[in-house]
Protein backbone atom coordinates (compact mmCIF):
# COMPACT_ATOMS: atom_id res chain seq x y z
CA UNK A 1 -17.47 42.45 -80.70
CA UNK A 2 -17.11 38.82 -81.70
CA UNK A 3 -19.11 36.08 -80.23
CA UNK A 4 -17.77 33.23 -78.83
CA UNK A 5 -19.41 29.81 -80.78
CA UNK A 6 -21.94 27.18 -77.80
CA UNK A 7 -19.86 24.50 -76.71
CA UNK A 8 -21.41 21.32 -79.04
CA UNK A 9 -21.02 18.82 -76.33
CA UNK A 10 -24.15 16.47 -75.31
CA UNK A 11 -25.06 17.32 -71.81
CA UNK A 12 -24.56 15.08 -69.27
CA UNK A 13 -27.46 13.29 -67.58
CA UNK A 14 -28.69 15.34 -64.25
CA UNK A 15 -29.17 12.31 -62.30
CA UNK A 16 -24.81 10.96 -63.37
CA UNK A 17 -23.60 14.50 -62.86
CA UNK A 18 -25.45 14.34 -59.11
CA UNK A 19 -23.95 10.75 -58.16
CA UNK A 20 -20.82 12.29 -59.58
CA UNK A 21 -20.47 15.25 -57.62
CA UNK A 22 -22.06 14.33 -54.31
CA UNK A 23 -19.17 12.07 -54.36
CA UNK A 24 -17.08 14.22 -55.41
CA UNK A 25 -17.98 16.30 -52.42
CA UNK A 26 -17.64 13.54 -49.73
CA UNK A 27 -14.25 12.68 -50.92
CA UNK A 28 -12.80 16.33 -51.53
CA UNK A 29 -12.15 17.37 -48.64
CA UNK A 30 -8.71 19.12 -48.46
CA UNK A 31 -6.43 16.51 -46.77
CA UNK A 32 -3.76 15.95 -49.61
CA UNK A 33 -0.38 15.34 -49.27
CA UNK A 34 2.02 18.24 -49.54
CA UNK A 35 4.82 16.50 -48.26
CA UNK A 36 5.03 16.70 -44.25
CA UNK A 37 2.10 14.29 -44.31
CA UNK A 38 -2.38 15.29 -43.15
CA UNK A 39 -3.42 17.09 -40.46
CA UNK A 40 -7.30 16.95 -40.19
CA UNK A 41 -8.45 20.13 -39.03
CA UNK A 42 -11.47 20.64 -37.23
CA UNK A 43 -14.67 20.92 -38.52
CA UNK A 44 -16.24 24.27 -38.66
CA UNK A 45 -19.49 25.18 -40.18
CA UNK A 46 -19.83 24.80 -43.75
CA UNK A 47 -15.82 24.49 -42.92
CA UNK A 48 -13.34 21.17 -44.57
CA UNK A 49 -13.16 18.34 -42.13
CA UNK A 50 -14.56 15.51 -41.00
CA UNK A 51 -18.44 14.66 -42.07
CA UNK A 52 -20.63 12.62 -39.71
CA UNK A 53 -22.87 9.89 -40.80
CA UNK A 54 -25.46 8.82 -38.98
CA UNK A 55 -24.80 4.12 -38.14
CA UNK A 56 -27.46 2.24 -39.18
CA UNK A 57 -27.66 1.92 -35.35
CA UNK A 58 -27.88 5.66 -35.33
CA UNK A 59 -30.86 5.98 -37.22
CA UNK A 60 -32.18 3.12 -35.74
CA UNK A 61 -31.71 4.64 -32.36
CA UNK A 62 -33.38 7.84 -33.57
CA UNK A 63 -36.43 6.27 -35.29
CA UNK A 64 -37.25 5.00 -32.12
CA UNK A 65 -36.78 8.29 -29.91
CA UNK A 66 -39.03 9.85 -33.01
CA UNK A 67 -41.01 7.25 -32.21
CA UNK A 68 -41.12 7.62 -28.39
CA UNK A 69 -42.03 11.11 -29.04
CA UNK A 70 -44.78 10.53 -30.80
CA UNK A 71 -46.30 8.22 -28.03
CA UNK A 72 -45.83 11.00 -25.48
CA UNK A 73 -47.80 13.32 -27.10
CA UNK A 74 -50.23 10.96 -27.23
CA UNK A 75 -51.01 9.75 -24.25
CA UNK A 76 -48.96 12.88 -22.50
CA UNK A 77 -46.49 11.08 -20.73
CA UNK A 78 -44.54 12.95 -18.54
CA UNK A 79 -41.50 10.99 -17.70
CA UNK A 80 -42.08 9.78 -21.38
CA UNK A 81 -40.94 13.38 -22.87
CA UNK A 82 -37.68 13.35 -20.57
CA UNK A 83 -36.50 9.65 -21.90
CA UNK A 84 -37.32 10.93 -25.26
CA UNK A 85 -35.51 14.17 -24.93
CA UNK A 86 -32.69 12.57 -23.72
CA UNK A 87 -31.85 10.07 -26.12
CA UNK A 88 -32.55 13.29 -28.73
CA UNK A 89 -29.04 15.00 -26.35
CA UNK A 90 -27.70 11.80 -26.67
CA UNK A 91 -28.09 12.24 -30.33
CA UNK A 92 -26.83 15.20 -31.19
CA UNK A 93 -23.62 14.91 -28.74
CA UNK A 94 -22.72 11.72 -30.63
CA UNK A 95 -22.08 13.97 -33.97
CA UNK A 96 -19.80 15.89 -32.43
CA UNK A 97 -18.26 12.93 -30.43
CA UNK A 98 -18.02 11.02 -33.31
CA UNK A 99 -16.17 14.66 -35.41
CA UNK A 100 -13.77 15.33 -32.32
CA UNK A 101 -12.53 11.75 -32.80
CA UNK A 102 -10.31 12.62 -36.01
CA UNK A 103 -9.84 15.91 -35.40
CA UNK A 104 -6.58 16.59 -34.84
CA UNK A 105 -5.09 14.20 -36.17
CA UNK A 106 -1.53 13.81 -38.56
CA UNK A 107 -0.88 10.68 -41.08
CA UNK A 108 2.15 10.98 -42.59
CA UNK A 109 3.52 7.70 -44.89
CA UNK A 110 5.81 5.69 -43.87
CA UNK A 111 8.32 4.37 -46.49
CA UNK A 112 6.92 1.44 -48.78
CA UNK A 113 8.03 -1.96 -48.54
CA UNK A 114 8.26 -4.09 -51.96
CA UNK A 115 5.19 -6.66 -53.14
CA UNK A 116 4.54 -9.10 -55.74
CA UNK A 117 2.28 -8.45 -58.46
CA UNK A 118 -1.40 -10.61 -58.13
CA UNK A 119 -0.06 -9.85 -54.19
CA UNK A 120 -1.23 -7.38 -51.45
CA UNK A 121 1.44 -4.18 -50.82
CA UNK A 122 1.34 -3.04 -47.27
CA UNK A 123 2.00 0.62 -46.96
CA UNK A 124 2.55 1.77 -43.61
CA UNK A 125 0.73 5.13 -42.23
CA UNK A 126 1.78 6.80 -39.01
CA UNK A 127 -0.50 8.37 -36.92
CA UNK A 128 0.16 10.89 -34.52
CA UNK A 129 -2.49 12.60 -31.59
CA UNK A 130 -1.18 15.07 -30.23
CA UNK A 131 -4.38 15.76 -27.87
CA UNK A 132 -4.36 14.35 -24.15
CA UNK A 133 -7.83 12.09 -25.67
CA UNK A 134 -7.05 8.22 -26.34
CA UNK A 135 -8.61 8.02 -29.96
CA UNK A 136 -9.81 4.87 -29.54
CA UNK A 137 -11.71 2.27 -32.75
CA UNK A 138 -10.25 3.62 -35.57
CA UNK A 139 -10.45 2.47 -39.00
CA UNK A 140 -8.13 2.77 -41.81
CA UNK A 141 -8.62 1.43 -45.17
CA UNK A 142 -8.32 2.35 -48.96
CA UNK A 143 -11.39 4.87 -50.45
CA UNK A 144 -11.83 2.56 -53.13
CA UNK A 145 -12.45 -0.17 -53.20
CA UNK A 146 -15.36 -0.28 -50.76
CA UNK A 147 -14.17 -3.82 -50.28
CA UNK A 148 -11.51 -3.87 -49.24
CA UNK A 149 -9.45 -4.46 -46.19
CA UNK A 150 -9.55 -2.56 -42.31
CA UNK A 151 -7.04 -1.89 -40.57
CA UNK A 152 -8.80 -1.02 -36.73
CA UNK A 153 -5.84 0.29 -34.65
CA UNK A 154 -6.39 3.08 -31.05
CA UNK A 155 -4.08 5.84 -30.88
CA UNK A 156 -2.99 7.08 -27.43
CA UNK A 157 -2.99 10.70 -25.94
CA UNK A 158 0.59 12.11 -27.43
CA UNK A 159 1.66 9.90 -28.72
CA UNK A 160 1.70 8.40 -32.55
CA UNK A 161 0.79 4.54 -33.75
CA UNK A 162 1.59 3.16 -37.13
CA UNK A 163 -1.02 1.70 -38.88
CA UNK A 164 -0.72 -1.15 -42.19
CA UNK A 165 -3.06 -0.11 -45.48
CA UNK A 166 -3.19 -3.62 -47.52
CA UNK A 167 -4.25 -3.12 -51.22
CA UNK A 168 -4.17 -5.41 -54.21
CA UNK A 169 -1.20 -4.92 -56.79
CA UNK A 170 -2.64 -6.44 -59.71
CA UNK A 171 0.63 -5.40 -61.80
CA UNK A 172 3.77 -5.41 -61.43
CA UNK A 173 5.92 -1.33 -61.64
CA UNK A 174 5.50 1.84 -59.52
CA UNK A 175 2.22 1.89 -57.37
CA UNK A 176 0.50 5.37 -55.67
CA UNK A 177 -1.15 4.27 -51.95
CA UNK A 178 -4.45 5.94 -52.75
CA UNK A 179 -6.81 8.09 -51.67
CA UNK A 180 -7.47 6.43 -48.04
CA UNK A 181 -10.84 6.37 -45.81
CA UNK A 182 -10.20 6.98 -41.88
CA UNK A 183 -13.98 5.83 -39.29
CA UNK A 184 -13.99 7.21 -35.53
CA UNK A 185 -17.08 6.46 -33.68
CA UNK A 186 -18.60 8.25 -31.00
CA UNK A 187 -19.05 6.17 -27.59
CA UNK A 188 -22.17 5.17 -28.36
CA UNK A 189 -21.47 3.72 -31.76
CA UNK A 190 -24.53 6.18 -33.26
CA UNK A 191 -22.17 8.16 -35.45
CA UNK A 192 -19.50 8.02 -37.70
CA UNK A 193 -17.26 11.01 -38.19
CA UNK A 194 -15.17 10.58 -42.26
CA UNK A 195 -12.69 12.38 -44.09
CA UNK A 196 -10.60 11.25 -46.85
CA UNK A 197 -6.70 11.34 -46.48
CA UNK A 198 -3.97 11.62 -49.82
CA UNK A 199 -1.23 10.68 -49.44
CA UNK A 200 2.55 10.86 -51.25
CA UNK A 201 3.97 7.19 -51.37
CA UNK A 202 4.81 4.64 -53.76
CA UNK A 203 5.80 0.93 -53.30
CA UNK A 204 7.72 -1.52 -56.66
CA UNK A 205 5.55 -4.15 -57.27
CA UNK A 206 7.68 -7.46 -58.45
CA UNK A 207 6.87 -9.29 -61.47
CA UNK A 208 5.10 -12.70 -59.78
CA UNK A 209 7.97 -15.65 -59.73
CA UNK A 210 6.86 -18.24 -61.94
CA UNK A 211 5.23 -21.44 -60.48
CA UNK A 212 7.56 -24.73 -61.13
CA UNK A 213 10.38 -22.48 -63.14
CA UNK A 214 13.08 -24.27 -64.67
CA UNK A 215 16.02 -25.12 -62.91
CA UNK A 216 19.40 -22.39 -63.27
CA UNK A 217 20.87 -21.72 -66.33
CA UNK A 218 24.63 -22.39 -67.26
CA UNK A 219 24.68 -19.88 -69.05
CA UNK A 220 29.17 -18.11 -69.36
CA UNK A 221 30.05 -14.50 -68.75
CA UNK A 222 32.07 -14.07 -71.75
CA UNK A 223 32.44 -16.94 -74.23
CA UNK A 224 35.97 -18.98 -74.82
CA UNK A 225 37.15 -16.97 -71.56
CA UNK A 226 37.71 -21.03 -70.74
CA UNK A 227 38.18 -20.66 -66.94
CA UNK A 228 37.30 -18.07 -65.09
CA UNK A 229 38.17 -17.53 -60.88
CA UNK A 230 34.59 -17.27 -59.05
CA UNK A 231 33.53 -17.02 -55.44
CA UNK A 232 32.43 -20.49 -55.73
CA UNK A 233 33.15 -23.49 -53.80
CA UNK A 234 36.04 -24.66 -55.31
CA UNK A 235 39.70 -24.79 -54.20
CA UNK A 236 40.74 -21.75 -52.67
CA UNK A 237 43.19 -19.27 -54.77
CA UNK A 238 43.22 -16.12 -53.21
CA UNK A 239 41.73 -12.26 -51.79
CA UNK A 240 40.51 -10.10 -53.51
CA UNK A 241 38.70 -6.68 -52.52
CA UNK A 242 35.08 -6.60 -51.21
CA UNK A 243 32.55 -5.75 -53.21
CA UNK A 244 28.79 -4.92 -52.15
CA UNK A 245 26.95 -8.55 -52.51
CA UNK A 246 29.65 -10.80 -51.36
CA UNK A 247 28.73 -13.14 -48.33
CA UNK A 248 29.24 -12.98 -45.80
CA UNK A 249 31.12 -16.53 -44.91
CA UNK A 250 33.15 -16.20 -47.63
CA UNK A 251 34.72 -12.73 -46.32
CA UNK A 252 38.62 -13.90 -45.34
CA UNK A 253 38.59 -11.83 -41.36
CA UNK A 254 42.36 -13.48 -40.84
CA UNK A 255 43.46 -11.57 -44.07
CA UNK A 256 41.02 -9.08 -43.33
CA UNK A 257 42.16 -8.24 -40.34
CA UNK A 258 45.48 -7.93 -40.75
CA UNK A 259 45.43 -5.65 -43.94
CA UNK A 260 42.70 -3.44 -42.46
CA UNK A 261 40.06 -3.26 -45.14
CA UNK A 262 37.58 -6.17 -46.04
CA UNK A 263 39.27 -9.07 -48.37
CA UNK A 264 37.44 -11.78 -50.23
CA UNK A 265 38.31 -15.57 -50.69
CA UNK A 266 38.45 -16.76 -54.34
CA UNK A 267 38.24 -19.88 -55.71
CA UNK A 268 38.38 -21.82 -58.47
CA UNK A 269 35.37 -22.93 -60.51
CA UNK A 270 34.72 -23.11 -64.21
CA UNK A 271 33.28 -19.97 -65.72
CA UNK A 272 30.27 -22.22 -66.08
CA UNK A 273 28.92 -21.20 -62.79
CA UNK A 274 28.92 -17.52 -63.83
CA UNK A 275 25.07 -16.71 -64.83
CA UNK A 276 23.94 -15.30 -66.68
CA UNK A 277 20.56 -14.44 -66.97
CA UNK A 278 19.16 -13.09 -70.43
CA UNK A 279 16.42 -11.50 -71.30
CA UNK A 280 16.88 -12.31 -75.06
CA UNK A 281 17.47 -16.22 -74.51
CA UNK A 282 14.05 -17.21 -73.43
CA UNK A 283 12.09 -17.91 -76.56
CA UNK A 284 8.69 -18.47 -77.12
CA UNK A 285 7.59 -16.69 -74.56
CA UNK A 286 5.86 -13.16 -74.01
CA UNK A 287 7.57 -9.56 -72.13
CA UNK A 288 5.64 -10.25 -68.71
CA UNK A 289 6.05 -14.75 -69.68
CA UNK A 290 9.54 -13.77 -69.14
CA UNK A 291 10.06 -11.84 -66.53
CA UNK A 292 8.51 -13.76 -64.30
CA UNK A 293 10.45 -17.13 -65.13
CA UNK A 294 13.94 -14.22 -64.35
CA UNK A 295 11.92 -13.42 -61.12
CA UNK A 296 12.33 -16.60 -60.49
CA UNK A 297 15.41 -17.86 -61.37
CA UNK A 298 16.58 -14.30 -59.84
CA UNK A 299 15.30 -16.05 -55.74
CA UNK A 300 17.03 -18.83 -56.55
CA UNK A 301 20.32 -17.07 -57.23
CA UNK A 302 20.02 -15.68 -54.40
CA UNK A 303 18.79 -18.56 -52.54
CA UNK A 304 22.22 -21.00 -53.79
CA UNK A 305 24.64 -17.78 -53.08
CA UNK A 306 25.27 -17.71 -56.81
CA UNK A 307 26.95 -15.14 -58.32
CA UNK A 308 25.20 -13.62 -61.63
CA UNK A 309 24.55 -10.95 -64.28
CA UNK A 310 21.37 -9.58 -65.50
CA UNK A 311 21.11 -8.64 -69.18
CA UNK A 312 18.03 -7.33 -70.39
CA UNK A 313 17.35 -5.11 -73.77
CA UNK A 314 17.41 -2.01 -72.46
CA UNK A 315 19.59 -2.87 -69.11
CA UNK A 316 22.65 -4.77 -68.27
CA UNK A 317 23.20 -5.40 -64.59
CA UNK A 318 26.72 -5.82 -63.64
CA UNK A 319 27.81 -9.15 -62.43
CA UNK A 320 26.66 -9.89 -58.18
CA UNK A 321 25.43 -12.11 -55.63
CA UNK A 322 23.50 -12.10 -51.91
CA UNK A 323 20.61 -9.43 -51.59
CA UNK A 324 21.76 -5.97 -52.58
CA UNK A 325 21.86 -8.21 -56.16
CA UNK A 326 18.57 -9.13 -56.01
CA UNK A 327 16.89 -6.28 -55.09
CA UNK A 328 18.71 -4.47 -57.02
CA UNK A 329 17.27 -7.61 -60.41
CA UNK A 330 13.79 -7.41 -58.96
CA UNK A 331 13.90 -3.52 -59.48
CA UNK A 332 15.14 -3.82 -62.56
CA UNK A 333 12.75 -6.80 -63.98
CA UNK A 334 9.94 -4.60 -62.01
CA UNK A 335 10.23 -1.31 -63.60
CA UNK A 336 11.24 -2.66 -67.96
CA UNK A 337 8.69 -1.15 -69.39
CA UNK A 338 6.46 -0.10 -66.50
CA UNK A 339 5.87 3.01 -68.54
CA UNK A 340 3.17 0.92 -70.48
CA UNK A 341 1.77 -1.55 -67.55
CA UNK A 342 1.10 1.63 -65.72
CA UNK A 343 -2.81 2.81 -65.32
CA UNK A 344 -3.87 5.37 -67.30
CA UNK A 345 -4.24 8.22 -64.87
CA UNK A 346 -3.26 8.39 -60.79
CA UNK A 347 -6.07 8.63 -58.20
CA UNK A 348 -4.47 12.40 -57.87
CA UNK A 349 -4.99 13.31 -61.18
CA UNK A 350 -8.15 12.58 -61.82
CA UNK A 351 -9.12 13.41 -59.33
CA UNK A 352 -8.49 16.96 -60.55
CA UNK A 353 -9.58 16.57 -64.05
CA UNK A 354 -12.96 15.45 -62.89
CA UNK A 355 -12.40 19.59 -61.32
CA UNK A 356 -11.21 20.95 -64.61
CA UNK A 357 -14.25 19.15 -66.30
CA UNK A 358 -16.56 20.49 -64.07
CA UNK A 359 -15.13 24.32 -64.19
């Protein structure tokens, strides 16, 4: 019979291990998103559900009740006993009310939008209340950091409310919605019920545009090709089939009505007006500075309704203009080598790895 060697890993300090276990117990309420949202189960005996904690006012209220009880015992105040036990009864009922303020709610993440690096990303959360009781003064924010912005909202009975959570986006690339903290209180404010839902949502963070970026370059598409017909603002030269991204004001509506399909006007313009936004031509800048300048140029091109193409080492975006082209270009800039820019471990993976360490 072989004997397995004992582990040689140094033991963790007891205080650190205890704090970690308490923190994980407080945040691990089993409310992870399975693709259909998170439903907060009612709290039963030691089951996973909303946990309740006394507020500062609740702790002071309990201390006052205990001091009143001591005074009644010392001075035999019959009426004081009535007041004391009434206060203690309200304190106990408040704990049940705080827990019920969250029970049964269903949370689901709406499709997030986009954000800019260095700013807050907005994650929309749908909160459904199937009960006939209005849930008032609910608070939703990111679990960490503690200074995260708080969204205060109410959910009417048998209705749905949309709450917005602000998450700071320090860098470009995909941004996962972290574990949230949902808090409800009893009407007297003695207790607060807390749960930590983990929803599945991911926003795309664009590179922050460069401040005071230089004007758009005038690089040609296809050197030595002479002049090229573009959707510019010169002499009318004909029409062509409509392409996604063409500006609405350049659609030939009369010809489109006659032909039965959308047509775009063509104008004679010099080829120098066709922009090529090239990553490789921005020498003397590091990766993030290049992406920041390209991001600013994409915004300028969208504002001026200029057709352009984007060239990255791993991607070449076809020529286009308008809002659709801008979103495609900004998304390509955000995802360029994003793996090197991503955090070491997403919140859910980090939580699971801590569980494996405990086992």
